[in-house]
Amino acid sequence: MGPEGKPCYLSTDDRGGYMSRLADNIEAEQLEAATELLEGALGALDDQDAGPEGLRRLAQELHQALRDVLRVATSRGHLLEVSEPHRI
């Protein structure tokens, strides 16, 4: 995120460059973390002994993961708009 909470996008013609690879790796880590959290969330939600604090923590982690995944999807969508021609 940039100033005032506005999203920042990496714009480069060098898809194999250092910054592009770094961004791709960070996005992959964010998606993997969200996948793991999602898999574990069902178990926590099914746990009858899960207390309010544990569920609150789960909700916060799911919120963060969803925010990251949405950022990745938005970024990738932005890249598609810029780099791929529209097909009719």
PDB file of N, CA and C in Angstrom:
ATOM      1  N   MET A   1       0.841  -1.182   0.000  1.00  0.00           N
ATOM      2  CA  MET A   1       0.000   0.000   0.000  1.00  0.00           C
ATOM      3  C   MET A   1       0.884   1.244   0.000  1.00  0.00           C
ATOM      4  N   GLY A   2       0.405   2.213  -0.705  1.00  0.00           N
ATOM      5  CA  GLY A   2       1.130   3.469  -0.765  1.00  0.00           C
ATOM      6  C   GLY A   2       0.542   4.468   0.211  1.00  0.00           C
ATOM      7  N   PRO A   3       0.901   5.735   0.038  1.00  0.00           N
ATOM      8  CA  PRO A   3       0.361   6.779   0.905  1.00  0.00           C
ATOM      9  C   PRO A   3      -1.171   6.788   0.867  1.00  0.00           C
ATOM     10  N   GLU A   4      -1.759   7.097   1.973  1.00  0.00           N
ATOM     11  CA  GLU A   4      -3.210   7.200   2.107  1.00  0.00           C
ATOM     12  C   GLU A   4      -3.923   5.875   1.862  1.00  0.00           C
ATOM     13  N   GLY A   5      -3.197   4.743   2.006  1.00  0.00           N
ATOM     14  CA  GLY A   5      -3.810   3.435   1.853  1.00  0.00           C
ATOM     15  C   GLY A   5      -4.142   3.044   0.429  1.00  0.00           C
ATOM     16  N   LYS A   6      -3.624   3.779  -0.527  1.00  0.00           N
ATOM     17  CA  LYS A   6      -3.902   3.461  -1.929  1.00  0.00           C
ATOM     18  C   LYS A   6      -2.990   2.324  -2.380  1.00  0.00           C
ATOM     19  N   PRO A   7      -3.518   1.417  -3.231  1.00  0.00           N
ATOM     20  CA  PRO A   7      -2.696   0.287  -3.684  1.00  0.00           C
ATOM     21  C   PRO A   7      -1.581   0.743  -4.612  1.00  0.00           C
ATOM     22  N   CYS A   8      -0.493   0.001  -4.585  1.00  0.00           N
ATOM     23  CA  CYS A   8       0.639   0.240  -5.475  1.00  0.00           C
ATOM     24  C   CYS A   8       0.798  -0.991  -6.358  1.00  0.00           C
ATOM     25  N   TYR A   9       1.080  -0.777  -7.621  1.00  0.00           N
ATOM     26  CA  TYR A   9       1.270  -1.881  -8.547  1.00  0.00           C
ATOM     27  C   TYR A   9       2.657  -1.806  -9.144  1.00  0.00           C
ATOM     28  N   LEU A  10       3.252  -2.966  -9.326  1.00  0.00           N
ATOM     29  CA  LEU A  10       4.550  -3.053  -9.980  1.00  0.00           C
ATOM     30  C   LEU A  10       4.291  -3.048 -11.480  1.00  0.00           C
ATOM     31  N   SER A  11       4.806  -2.054 -12.150  1.00  0.00           N
ATOM     32  CA  SER A  11       4.632  -1.949 -13.586  1.00  0.00           C
ATOM     33  C   SER A  11       5.997  -2.056 -14.239  1.00  0.00           C
ATOM     34  N   THR A  12       6.205  -3.163 -14.952  1.00  0.00           N
ATOM     35  CA  THR A  12       7.496  -3.369 -15.587  1.00  0.00           C
ATOM     36  C   THR A  12       7.324  -4.226 -16.831  1.00  0.00           C
ATOM     37  N   ASP A  13       8.178  -3.999 -17.796  1.00  0.00           N
ATOM     38  CA  ASP A  13       8.197  -4.845 -18.991  1.00  0.00           C
ATOM     39  C   ASP A  13       9.051  -6.078 -18.765  1.00  0.00           C
ATOM     40  N   ASP A  14       9.815  -6.076 -17.673  1.00  0.00           N
ATOM     41  CA  ASP A  14      10.730  -7.182 -17.377  1.00  0.00           C
ATOM     42  C   ASP A  14      10.082  -8.130 -16.380  1.00  0.00           C
ATOM     43  N   ARG A  15       9.236  -9.036 -16.868  1.00  0.00           N
ATOM     44  CA  ARG A  15       8.518  -9.976 -15.998  1.00  0.00           C
ATOM     45  C   ARG A  15       9.459 -10.933 -15.279  1.00  0.00           C
ATOM     46  N   GLY A  16      10.691 -11.078 -15.774  1.00  0.00           N
ATOM     47  CA  GLY A  16      11.651 -11.965 -15.125  1.00  0.00           C
ATOM     48  C   GLY A  16      12.650 -11.216 -14.269  1.00  0.00           C
ATOM     49  N   GLY A  17      12.455  -9.917 -14.104  1.00  0.00           N
ATOM     50  CA  GLY A  17      13.379  -9.111 -13.323  1.00  0.00           C
ATOM     51  C   GLY A  17      13.275  -9.379 -11.833  1.00  0.00           C
ATOM     52  N   TYR A  18      14.240  -8.853 -11.099  1.00  0.00           N
ATOM     53  CA  TYR A  18      14.317  -9.091  -9.658  1.00  0.00           C
ATOM     54  C   TYR A  18      13.035  -8.671  -8.946  1.00  0.00           C
ATOM     55  N   MET A  19      12.528  -7.473  -9.206  1.00  0.00           N
ATOM     56  CA  MET A  19      11.343  -6.977  -8.499  1.00  0.00           C
ATOM     57  C   MET A  19      10.107  -7.795  -8.865  1.00  0.00           C
ATOM     58  N   SER A  20       9.986  -8.195 -10.122  1.00  0.00           N
ATOM     59  CA  SER A  20       8.848  -9.030 -10.523  1.00  0.00           C
ATOM     60  C   SER A  20       8.902 -10.383  -9.834  1.00  0.00           C
ATOM     61  N   ARG A  21      10.085 -10.974  -9.780  1.00  0.00           N
ATOM     62  CA  ARG A  21      10.230 -12.275  -9.112  1.00  0.00           C
ATOM     63  C   ARG A  21       9.954 -12.141  -7.623  1.00  0.00           C
ATOM     64  N   LEU A  22      10.436 -11.073  -7.010  1.00  0.00           N
ATOM     65  CA  LEU A  22      10.194 -10.837  -5.591  1.00  0.00           C
ATOM     66  C   LEU A  22       8.698 -10.697  -5.323  1.00  0.00           C
ATOM     67  N   ALA A  23       8.015  -9.904  -6.144  1.00  0.00           N
ATOM     68  CA  ALA A  23       6.567  -9.731  -5.980  1.00  0.00           C
ATOM     69  C   ALA A  23       5.844 -11.060  -6.169  1.00  0.00           C
ATOM     70  N   ASP A  24       6.237 -11.840  -7.172  1.00  0.00           N
ATOM     71  CA  ASP A  24       5.618 -13.147  -7.396  1.00  0.00           C
ATOM     72  C   ASP A  24       5.822 -14.069  -6.201  1.00  0.00           C
ATOM     73  N   ASN A  25       7.015 -14.065  -5.624  1.00  0.00           N
ATOM     74  CA  ASN A  25       7.301 -14.920  -4.460  1.00  0.00           C
ATOM     75  C   ASN A  25       6.481 -14.502  -3.246  1.00  0.00           C
ATOM     76  N   ILE A  26       6.366 -13.216  -3.016  1.00  0.00           N
ATOM     77  CA  ILE A  26       5.576 -12.724  -1.880  1.00  0.00           C
ATOM     78  C   ILE A  26       4.114 -13.107  -2.068  1.00  0.00           C
ATOM     79  N   GLU A  27       3.601 -12.927  -3.287  1.00  0.00           N
ATOM     80  CA  GLU A  27       2.214 -13.298  -3.558  1.00  0.00           C
ATOM     81  C   GLU A  27       2.000 -14.798  -3.352  1.00  0.00           C
ATOM     82  N   ALA A  28       2.945 -15.608  -3.803  1.00  0.00           N
ATOM     83  CA  ALA A  28       2.826 -17.061  -3.627  1.00  0.00           C
ATOM     84  C   ALA A  28       2.790 -17.420  -2.145  1.00  0.00           C
ATOM     85  N   GLU A  29       3.610 -16.770  -1.341  1.00  0.00           N
ATOM     86  CA  GLU A  29       3.617 -17.017   0.105  1.00  0.00           C
ATOM     87  C   GLU A  29       2.291 -16.598   0.737  1.00  0.00           C
ATOM     88  N   GLN A  30       1.747 -15.472   0.303  1.00  0.00           N
ATOM     89  CA  GLN A  30       0.473 -15.020   0.841  1.00  0.00           C
ATOM     90  C   GLN A  30      -0.649 -15.994   0.491  1.00  0.00           C
ATOM     91  N   LEU A  31      -0.651 -16.483  -0.736  1.00  0.00           N
ATOM     92  CA  LEU A  31      -1.684 -17.428  -1.144  1.00  0.00           C
ATOM     93  C   LEU A  31      -1.546 -18.761  -0.411  1.00  0.00           C
ATOM     94  N   GLU A  32      -0.319 -19.214  -0.209  1.00  0.00           N
ATOM     95  CA  GLU A  32      -0.082 -20.465   0.524  1.00  0.00           C
ATOM     96  C   GLU A  32      -0.536 -20.317   1.980  1.00  0.00           C
ATOM     97  N   ALA A  33      -0.221 -19.183   2.595  1.00  0.00           N
ATOM     98  CA  ALA A  33      -0.642 -18.952   3.986  1.00  0.00           C
ATOM     99  C   ALA A  33      -2.164 -18.928   4.088  1.00  0.00           C
ATOM    100  N   ALA A  34      -2.830 -18.324   3.117  1.00  0.00           N
ATOM    101  CA  ALA A  34      -4.290 -18.281   3.122  1.00  0.00           C
ATOM    102  C   ALA A  34      -4.868 -19.682   2.954  1.00  0.00           C
ATOM    103  N   THR A  35      -4.255 -20.487   2.100  1.00  0.00           N
ATOM    104  CA  THR A  35      -4.709 -21.861   1.887  1.00  0.00           C
ATOM    105  C   THR A  35      -4.611 -22.664   3.175  1.00  0.00           C
ATOM    106  N   GLU A  36      -3.479 -22.562   3.849  1.00  0.00           N
ATOM    107  CA  GLU A  36      -3.281 -23.289   5.105  1.00  0.00           C
ATOM    108  C   GLU A  36      -4.264 -22.824   6.172  1.00  0.00           C
ATOM    109  N   LEU A  37      -4.469 -21.526   6.260  1.00  0.00           N
ATOM    110  CA  LEU A  37      -5.396 -20.976   7.244  1.00  0.00           C
ATOM    111  C   LEU A  37      -6.820 -21.444   6.956  1.00  0.00           C
ATOM    112  N   LEU A  38      -7.201 -21.428   5.696  1.00  0.00           N
ATOM    113  CA  LEU A  38      -8.542 -21.875   5.327  1.00  0.00           C
ATOM    114  C   LEU A  38      -8.757 -23.337   5.679  1.00  0.00           C
ATOM    115  N   GLU A  39      -7.758 -24.163   5.420  1.00  0.00           N
ATOM    116  CA  GLU A  39      -7.860 -25.595   5.753  1.00  0.00           C
ATOM    117  C   GLU A  39      -8.016 -25.800   7.259  1.00  0.00           C
ATOM    118  N   GLY A  40      -7.305 -25.019   8.050  1.00  0.00           N
ATOM    119  CA  GLY A  40      -7.385 -25.154   9.499  1.00  0.00           C
ATOM    120  C   GLY A  40      -8.629 -24.520  10.101  1.00  0.00           C
ATOM    121  N   ALA A  41      -9.231 -23.586   9.374  1.00  0.00           N
ATOM    122  CA  ALA A  41     -10.386 -22.859   9.911  1.00  0.00           C
ATOM    123  C   ALA A  41     -11.582 -23.776  10.142  1.00  0.00           C
ATOM    124  N   LEU A  42     -11.806 -24.703   9.251  1.00  0.00           N
ATOM    125  CA  LEU A  42     -12.960 -25.597   9.426  1.00  0.00           C
ATOM    126  C   LEU A  42     -12.855 -26.398  10.712  1.00  0.00           C
ATOM    127  N   GLY A  43     -11.657 -26.868  11.007  1.00  0.00           N
ATOM    128  CA  GLY A  43     -11.462 -27.611  12.251  1.00  0.00           C
ATOM    129  C   GLY A  43     -11.765 -26.752  13.462  1.00  0.00           C
ATOM    130  N   ALA A  44     -11.298 -25.524  13.437  1.00  0.00           N
ATOM    131  CA  ALA A  44     -11.536 -24.622  14.562  1.00  0.00           C
ATOM    132  C   ALA A  44     -13.016 -24.290  14.699  1.00  0.00           C
ATOM    133  N   LEU A  45     -13.691 -24.112  13.585  1.00  0.00           N
ATOM    134  CA  LEU A  45     -15.117 -23.785  13.638  1.00  0.00           C
ATOM    135  C   LEU A  45     -15.962 -24.969  14.099  1.00  0.00           C
ATOM    136  N   ASP A  46     -15.497 -26.177  13.816  1.00  0.00           N
ATOM    137  CA  ASP A  46     -16.204 -27.386  14.255  1.00  0.00           C
ATOM    138  C   ASP A  46     -15.924 -27.733  15.712  1.00  0.00           C
ATOM    139  N   ASP A  47     -14.905 -27.125  16.296  1.00  0.00           N
ATOM    140  CA  ASP A  47     -14.500 -27.422  17.671  1.00  0.00           C
ATOM    141  C   ASP A  47     -15.488 -26.781  18.649  1.00  0.00           C
ATOM    142  N   GLN A  48     -16.259 -27.607  19.317  1.00  0.00           N
ATOM    143  CA  GLN A  48     -17.252 -27.115  20.272  1.00  0.00           C
ATOM    144  C   GLN A  48     -16.613 -26.434  21.482  1.00  0.00           C
ATOM    145  N   ASP A  49     -15.334 -26.730  21.741  1.00  0.00           N
ATOM    146  CA  ASP A  49     -14.645 -26.148  22.886  1.00  0.00           C
ATOM    147  C   ASP A  49     -13.886 -24.864  22.542  1.00  0.00           C
ATOM    148  N   ALA A  50     -13.946 -24.440  21.292  1.00  0.00           N
ATOM    149  CA  ALA A  50     -13.251 -23.213  20.900  1.00  0.00           C
ATOM    150  C   ALA A  50     -13.905 -22.023  21.603  1.00  0.00           C
ATOM    151  N   GLY A  51     -13.080 -21.259  22.281  1.00  0.00           N
ATOM    152  CA  GLY A  51     -13.602 -20.112  23.018  1.00  0.00           C
ATOM    153  C   GLY A  51     -13.661 -18.874  22.146  1.00  0.00           C
ATOM    154  N   PRO A  52     -14.266 -17.824  22.694  1.00  0.00           N
ATOM    155  CA  PRO A  52     -14.422 -16.585  21.934  1.00  0.00           C
ATOM    156  C   PRO A  52     -13.084 -15.966  21.517  1.00  0.00           C
ATOM    157  N   GLU A  53     -12.073 -16.078  22.368  1.00  0.00           N
ATOM    158  CA  GLU A  53     -10.766 -15.499  22.014  1.00  0.00           C
ATOM    159  C   GLU A  53     -10.146 -16.222  20.830  1.00  0.00           C
ATOM    160  N   GLY A  54     -10.227 -17.553  20.828  1.00  0.00           N
ATOM    161  CA  GLY A  54      -9.687 -18.328  19.713  1.00  0.00           C
ATOM    162  C   GLY A  54     -10.419 -18.032  18.411  1.00  0.00           C
ATOM    163  N   LEU A  55     -11.737 -17.918  18.501  1.00  0.00           N
ATOM    164  CA  LEU A  55     -12.519 -17.615  17.308  1.00  0.00           C
ATOM    165  C   LEU A  55     -12.272 -16.187  16.834  1.00  0.00           C
ATOM    166  N   ARG A  56     -12.086 -15.269  17.767  1.00  0.00           N
ATOM    167  CA  ARG A  56     -11.765 -13.887  17.400  1.00  0.00           C
ATOM    168  C   ARG A  56     -10.423 -13.833  16.682  1.00  0.00           C
ATOM    169  N   ARG A  57      -9.441 -14.561  17.197  1.00  0.00           N
ATOM    170  CA  ARG A  57      -8.117 -14.618  16.577  1.00  0.00           C
ATOM    171  C   ARG A  57      -8.206 -15.227  15.181  1.00  0.00           C
ATOM    172  N   LEU A  58      -9.012 -16.293  15.043  1.00  0.00           N
ATOM    173  CA  LEU A  58      -9.222 -16.921  13.745  1.00  0.00           C
ATOM    174  C   LEU A  58      -9.843 -15.920  12.764  1.00  0.00           C
ATOM    175  N   ALA A  59     -10.846 -15.181  13.223  1.00  0.00           N
ATOM    176  CA  ALA A  59     -11.494 -14.186  12.357  1.00  0.00           C
ATOM    177  C   ALA A  59     -10.502 -13.114  11.916  1.00  0.00           C
ATOM    178  N   GLN A  60      -9.624 -12.677  12.827  1.00  0.00           N
ATOM    179  CA  GLN A  60      -8.621 -11.678  12.467  1.00  0.00           C
ATOM    180  C   GLN A  60      -7.640 -12.226  11.433  1.00  0.00           C
ATOM    181  N   GLU A  61      -7.214 -13.474  11.624  1.00  0.00           N
ATOM    182  CA  GLU A  61      -6.278 -14.088  10.678  1.00  0.00           C
ATOM    183  C   GLU A  61      -6.934 -14.309   9.324  1.00  0.00           C
ATOM    184  N   LEU A  62      -8.205 -14.730   9.329  1.00  0.00           N
ATOM    185  CA  LEU A  62      -8.922 -14.901   8.069  1.00  0.00           C
ATOM    186  C   LEU A  62      -9.100 -13.556   7.361  1.00  0.00           C
ATOM    187  N   HIS A  63      -9.369 -12.505   8.123  1.00  0.00           N
ATOM    188  CA  HIS A  63      -9.498 -11.159   7.555  1.00  0.00           C
ATOM    189  C   HIS A  63      -8.198 -10.745   6.874  1.00  0.00           C
ATOM    190  N   GLN A  64      -7.075 -10.940   7.549  1.00  0.00           N
ATOM    191  CA  GLN A  64      -5.775 -10.580   6.976  1.00  0.00           C
ATOM    192  C   GLN A  64      -5.485 -11.394   5.717  1.00  0.00           C
ATOM    193  N   ALA A  65      -5.777 -12.684   5.761  1.00  0.00           N
ATOM    194  CA  ALA A  65      -5.528 -13.544   4.607  1.00  0.00           C
ATOM    195  C   ALA A  65      -6.416 -13.146   3.429  1.00  0.00           C
ATOM    196  N   LEU A  66      -7.673 -12.861   3.708  1.00  0.00           N
ATOM    197  CA  LEU A  66      -8.587 -12.451   2.646  1.00  0.00           C
ATOM    198  C   LEU A  66      -8.139 -11.121   2.043  1.00  0.00           C
ATOM    199  N   ARG A  67      -7.691 -10.204   2.877  1.00  0.00           N
ATOM    200  CA  ARG A  67      -7.171  -8.922   2.384  1.00  0.00           C
ATOM    201  C   ARG A  67      -5.982  -9.147   1.450  1.00  0.00           C
ATOM    202  N   ASP A  68      -5.060 -10.037   1.853  1.00  0.00           N
ATOM    203  CA  ASP A  68      -3.885 -10.324   1.022  1.00  0.00           C
ATOM    204  C   ASP A  68      -4.272 -10.979  -0.296  1.00  0.00           C
ATOM    205  N   VAL A  69      -5.186 -11.954  -0.242  1.00  0.00           N
ATOM    206  CA  VAL A  69      -5.615 -12.648  -1.454  1.00  0.00           C
ATOM    207  C   VAL A  69      -6.337 -11.677  -2.389  1.00  0.00           C
ATOM    208  N   LEU A  70      -7.166 -10.807  -1.833  1.00  0.00           N
ATOM    209  CA  LEU A  70      -7.853  -9.806  -2.644  1.00  0.00           C
ATOM    210  C   LEU A  70      -6.844  -8.865  -3.303  1.00  0.00           C
ATOM    211  N   ARG A  71      -5.801  -8.495  -2.563  1.00  0.00           N
ATOM    212  CA  ARG A  71      -4.764  -7.631  -3.123  1.00  0.00           C
ATOM    213  C   ARG A  71      -4.044  -8.321  -4.281  1.00  0.00           C
ATOM    214  N   VAL A  72      -3.748  -9.614  -4.115  1.00  0.00           N
ATOM    215  CA  VAL A  72      -3.099 -10.377  -5.181  1.00  0.00           C
ATOM    216  C   VAL A  72      -4.022 -10.440  -6.398  1.00  0.00           C
ATOM    217  N   ALA A  73      -5.305 -10.755  -6.166  1.00  0.00           N
ATOM    218  CA  ALA A  73      -6.251 -10.866  -7.279  1.00  0.00           C
ATOM    219  C   ALA A  73      -6.408  -9.527  -7.999  1.00  0.00           C
ATOM    220  N   THR A  74      -6.495  -8.456  -7.246  1.00  0.00           N
ATOM    221  CA  THR A  74      -6.616  -7.132  -7.848  1.00  0.00           C
ATOM    222  C   THR A  74      -5.372  -6.791  -8.649  1.00  0.00           C
ATOM    223  N   SER A  75      -4.221  -7.090  -8.075  1.00  0.00           N
ATOM    224  CA  SER A  75      -2.963  -6.816  -8.760  1.00  0.00           C
ATOM    225  C   SER A  75      -2.865  -7.616 -10.048  1.00  0.00           C
ATOM    226  N   ARG A  76      -3.197  -8.908  -9.969  1.00  0.00           N
ATOM    227  CA  ARG A  76      -3.135  -9.762 -11.160  1.00  0.00           C
ATOM    228  C   ARG A  76      -4.164  -9.307 -12.189  1.00  0.00           C
ATOM    229  N   GLY A  77      -5.316  -8.890 -11.743  1.00  0.00           N
ATOM    230  CA  GLY A  77      -6.327  -8.368 -12.662  1.00  0.00           C
ATOM    231  C   GLY A  77      -5.843  -7.115 -13.350  1.00  0.00           C
ATOM    232  N   HIS A  78      -5.167  -6.270 -12.598  1.00  0.00           N
ATOM    233  CA  HIS A  78      -4.584  -5.044 -13.159  1.00  0.00           C
ATOM    234  C   HIS A  78      -3.540  -5.406 -14.208  1.00  0.00           C
ATOM    235  N   LEU A  79      -2.712  -6.405 -13.920  1.00  0.00           N
ATOM    236  CA  LEU A  79      -1.694  -6.831 -14.878  1.00  0.00           C
ATOM    237  C   LEU A  79      -2.345  -7.373 -16.149  1.00  0.00           C
ATOM    238  N   LEU A  80      -3.421  -8.137 -15.990  1.00  0.00           N
ATOM    239  CA  LEU A  80      -4.101  -8.680 -17.161  1.00  0.00           C
ATOM    240  C   LEU A  80      -4.676  -7.571 -18.027  1.00  0.00           C
ATOM    241  N   GLU A  81      -5.256  -6.549 -17.387  1.00  0.00           N
ATOM    242  CA  GLU A  81      -5.816  -5.433 -18.137  1.00  0.00           C
ATOM    243  C   GLU A  81      -4.741  -4.711 -18.933  1.00  0.00           C
ATOM    244  N   VAL A  82      -3.558  -4.594 -18.355  1.00  0.00           N
ATOM    245  CA  VAL A  82      -2.478  -3.845 -18.984  1.00  0.00           C
ATOM    246  C   VAL A  82      -1.765  -4.671 -20.043  1.00  0.00           C
ATOM    247  N   SER A  83      -1.578  -5.975 -19.785  1.00  0.00           N
ATOM    248  CA  SER A  83      -0.684  -6.756 -20.632  1.00  0.00           C
ATOM    249  C   SER A  83      -1.365  -7.625 -21.677  1.00  0.00           C
ATOM    250  N   GLU A  84      -2.625  -7.967 -21.505  1.00  0.00           N
ATOM    251  CA  GLU A  84      -3.271  -8.862 -22.461  1.00  0.00           C
ATOM    252  C   GLU A  84      -4.313  -8.106 -23.275  1.00  0.00           C
ATOM    253  N   PRO A  85      -4.315  -8.358 -24.576  1.00  0.00           N
ATOM    254  CA  PRO A  85      -5.368  -7.717 -25.403  1.00  0.00           C
ATOM    255  C   PRO A  85      -6.728  -8.308 -25.071  1.00  0.00           C
ATOM    256  N   HIS A  86      -7.731  -7.491 -25.204  1.00  0.00           N
ATOM    257  CA  HIS A  86      -9.099  -7.956 -24.975  1.00  0.00           C
ATOM    258  C   HIS A  86      -9.554  -8.802 -26.145  1.00  0.00           C
ATOM    259  N   ARG A  87     -10.155  -9.932 -25.837  1.00  0.00           N
ATOM    260  CA  ARG A  87     -10.675 -10.812 -26.885  1.00  0.00           C
ATOM    261  C   ARG A  87     -12.181 -10.606 -26.992  1.00  0.00           C
ATOM    262  N   ILE A  88     -12.640 -10.598 -28.191  1.00  0.00           N
ATOM    263  CA  ILE A  88     -14.078 -10.406 -28.430  1.00  0.00           C
ATOM    264  C   ILE A  88     -14.689 -11.704 -28.904  1.00  0.00           C
TER     265      ILE A  88
END
